Protein backbone atom coordinates (compact mmCIF):
# COMPACT_ATOMS: atom_id res chain seq x y z
CA UNK A 1 0.00 0.00 0.00
CA UNK A 2 1.44 3.34 -1.07
CA UNK A 3 1.49 6.27 1.26
CA UNK A 4 0.00 9.47 -0.14
CA UNK A 5 2.04 12.59 0.37
CA UNK A 6 0.32 15.72 1.54
CA UNK A 7 0.92 18.65 -0.75
CA UNK A 8 2.01 21.84 1.01
CA UNK A 9 -0.51 24.63 0.87
CA UNK A 10 0.26 27.44 -1.52
CA UNK A 11 0.19 31.07 -0.49
CA UNK A 12 -3.39 32.23 -0.27
CA UNK A 13 -4.71 28.73 0.44
CA UNK A 14 -4.53 29.12 4.21
CA UNK A 15 -7.71 28.47 6.10
CA UNK A 16 -9.58 31.65 6.83
CA UNK A 17 -12.08 32.57 9.47
CA UNK A 18 -15.09 34.60 8.42
CA UNK A 19 -15.93 37.63 10.54
CA UNK A 20 -18.50 40.37 10.07
CA UNK A 21 -17.46 44.01 10.05
CA UNK A 22 -19.53 44.58 13.19
CA UNK A 23 -17.79 41.75 15.06
CA UNK A 24 -14.39 42.92 13.78
CA UNK A 25 -15.00 46.46 15.09
CA UNK A 26 -16.34 45.13 18.38
CA UNK A 27 -13.22 43.06 18.96
CA UNK A 28 -11.01 46.06 18.17
CA UNK A 29 -13.04 48.21 20.57
CA UNK A 30 -12.72 45.63 23.36
CA UNK A 31 -8.99 45.16 22.79
CA UNK A 32 -8.36 48.93 22.65
CA UNK A 33 -10.07 49.27 26.03
CA UNK A 34 -7.92 46.48 27.43
CA UNK A 35 -4.81 48.33 26.23
CA UNK A 36 -6.11 51.53 27.87
CA UNK A 37 -6.81 49.73 31.15
CA UNK A 38 -3.38 48.09 31.08
CA UNK A 39 -1.94 51.63 31.27
CA UNK A 40 -3.90 52.07 34.50
CA UNK A 41 -6.63 54.28 33.05
CA UNK A 42 -3.96 56.88 32.38
CA UNK A 43 -4.63 59.48 29.76
CA UNK A 44 -2.95 58.49 26.59
CA UNK A 45 -3.38 58.29 22.90
CA UNK A 46 -6.73 56.70 22.07
CA UNK A 47 -5.78 56.50 18.40
CA UNK A 48 -2.60 54.59 19.20
CA UNK A 49 -4.62 52.17 21.36
CA UNK A 50 -7.11 51.66 18.52
CA UNK A 51 -4.40 51.11 15.90
CA UNK A 52 -2.55 48.63 18.13
CA UNK A 53 -5.80 46.74 18.78
CA UNK A 54 -6.64 46.77 15.07
CA UNK A 55 -3.21 45.36 14.22
CA UNK A 56 -3.64 42.53 16.74
CA UNK A 57 -7.14 41.62 15.55
CA UNK A 58 -6.09 41.69 11.89
CA UNK A 59 -3.28 39.29 12.76
CA UNK A 60 -5.73 37.06 14.64
CA UNK A 61 -7.97 36.77 11.57
CA UNK A 62 -5.12 36.86 9.01
CA UNK A 63 -6.35 40.07 7.41
CA UNK A 64 -3.64 41.69 5.33
CA UNK A 65 -5.01 45.06 4.31
C-alpha atoms as a PDB file:
ATOM      1  CA  UNK A   1       0.000   0.000   0.000  1.00  0.00           C
ATOM      2  CA  UNK A   2       1.442   3.337  -1.068  1.00  0.00           C
ATOM      3  CA  UNK A   3       1.485   6.265   1.258  1.00  0.00           C
ATOM      4  CA  UNK A   4       0.002   9.471  -0.143  1.00  0.00           C
ATOM      5  CA  UNK A   5       2.038  12.594   0.370  1.00  0.00           C
ATOM      6  CA  UNK A   6       0.325  15.724   1.542  1.00  0.00           C
ATOM      7  CA  UNK A   7       0.919  18.652  -0.747  1.00  0.00           C
ATOM      8  CA  UNK A   8       2.007  21.837   1.005  1.00  0.00           C
ATOM      9  CA  UNK A   9      -0.510  24.625   0.869  1.00  0.00           C
ATOM     10  CA  UNK A  10       0.263  27.436  -1.517  1.00  0.00           C
ATOM     11  CA  UNK A  11       0.191  31.071  -0.486  1.00  0.00           C
ATOM     12  CA  UNK A  12      -3.385  32.229  -0.274  1.00  0.00           C
ATOM     13  CA  UNK A  13      -4.710  28.732   0.442  1.00  0.00           C
ATOM     14  CA  UNK A  14      -4.535  29.116   4.206  1.00  0.00           C
ATOM     15  CA  UNK A  15      -7.707  28.468   6.100  1.00  0.00           C
ATOM     16  CA  UNK A  16      -9.579  31.652   6.832  1.00  0.00           C
ATOM     17  CA  UNK A  17     -12.080  32.573   9.468  1.00  0.00           C
ATOM     18  CA  UNK A  18     -15.094  34.599   8.416  1.00  0.00           C
ATOM     19  CA  UNK A  19     -15.930  37.632  10.537  1.00  0.00           C
ATOM     20  CA  UNK A  20     -18.502  40.369  10.072  1.00  0.00           C
ATOM     21  CA  UNK A  21     -17.464  44.007  10.048  1.00  0.00           C
ATOM     22  CA  UNK A  22     -19.531  44.576  13.187  1.00  0.00           C
ATOM     23  CA  UNK A  23     -17.787  41.745  15.058  1.00  0.00           C
ATOM     24  CA  UNK A  24     -14.390  42.921  13.778  1.00  0.00           C
ATOM     25  CA  UNK A  25     -14.995  46.456  15.088  1.00  0.00           C
ATOM     26  CA  UNK A  26     -16.341  45.134  18.382  1.00  0.00           C
ATOM     27  CA  UNK A  27     -13.216  43.056  18.956  1.00  0.00           C
ATOM     28  CA  UNK A  28     -11.012  46.056  18.173  1.00  0.00           C
ATOM     29  CA  UNK A  29     -13.036  48.211  20.574  1.00  0.00           C
ATOM     30  CA  UNK A  30     -12.723  45.629  23.359  1.00  0.00           C
ATOM     31  CA  UNK A  31      -8.986  45.162  22.789  1.00  0.00           C
ATOM     32  CA  UNK A  32      -8.361  48.930  22.648  1.00  0.00           C
ATOM     33  CA  UNK A  33     -10.071  49.271  26.026  1.00  0.00           C
ATOM     34  CA  UNK A  34      -7.918  46.476  27.435  1.00  0.00           C
ATOM     35  CA  UNK A  35      -4.812  48.332  26.234  1.00  0.00           C
ATOM     36  CA  UNK A  36      -6.110  51.533  27.867  1.00  0.00           C
ATOM     37  CA  UNK A  37      -6.809  49.733  31.148  1.00  0.00           C
ATOM     38  CA  UNK A  38      -3.375  48.091  31.077  1.00  0.00           C
ATOM     39  CA  UNK A  39      -1.941  51.626  31.272  1.00  0.00           C
ATOM     40  CA  UNK A  40      -3.895  52.069  34.500  1.00  0.00           C
ATOM     41  CA  UNK A  41      -6.633  54.275  33.049  1.00  0.00           C
ATOM     42  CA  UNK A  42      -3.955  56.880  32.379  1.00  0.00           C
ATOM     43  CA  UNK A  43      -4.631  59.484  29.759  1.00  0.00           C
ATOM     44  CA  UNK A  44      -2.947  58.495  26.587  1.00  0.00           C
ATOM     45  CA  UNK A  45      -3.377  58.292  22.896  1.00  0.00           C
ATOM     46  CA  UNK A  46      -6.727  56.699  22.067  1.00  0.00           C
ATOM     47  CA  UNK A  47      -5.784  56.496  18.398  1.00  0.00           C
ATOM     48  CA  UNK A  48      -2.595  54.594  19.203  1.00  0.00           C
ATOM     49  CA  UNK A  49      -4.616  52.167  21.365  1.00  0.00           C
ATOM     50  CA  UNK A  50      -7.109  51.662  18.525  1.00  0.00           C
ATOM     51  CA  UNK A  51      -4.401  51.114  15.905  1.00  0.00           C
ATOM     52  CA  UNK A  52      -2.553  48.628  18.135  1.00  0.00           C
ATOM     53  CA  UNK A  53      -5.804  46.741  18.780  1.00  0.00           C
ATOM     54  CA  UNK A  54      -6.641  46.772  15.065  1.00  0.00           C
ATOM     55  CA  UNK A  55      -3.207  45.364  14.224  1.00  0.00           C
ATOM     56  CA  UNK A  56      -3.641  42.528  16.742  1.00  0.00           C
ATOM     57  CA  UNK A  57      -7.141  41.623  15.550  1.00  0.00           C
ATOM     58  CA  UNK A  58      -6.092  41.689  11.892  1.00  0.00           C
ATOM     59  CA  UNK A  59      -3.277  39.285  12.756  1.00  0.00           C
ATOM     60  CA  UNK A  60      -5.725  37.059  14.639  1.00  0.00           C
ATOM     61  CA  UNK A  61      -7.967  36.768  11.566  1.00  0.00           C
ATOM     62  CA  UNK A  62      -5.124  36.862   9.007  1.00  0.00           C
ATOM     63  CA  UNK A  63      -6.352  40.070   7.407  1.00  0.00           C
ATOM     64  CA  UNK A  64      -3.638  41.691   5.335  1.00  0.00           C
ATOM     65  CA  UNK A  65      -5.006  45.062   4.311  1.00  0.00           C
END
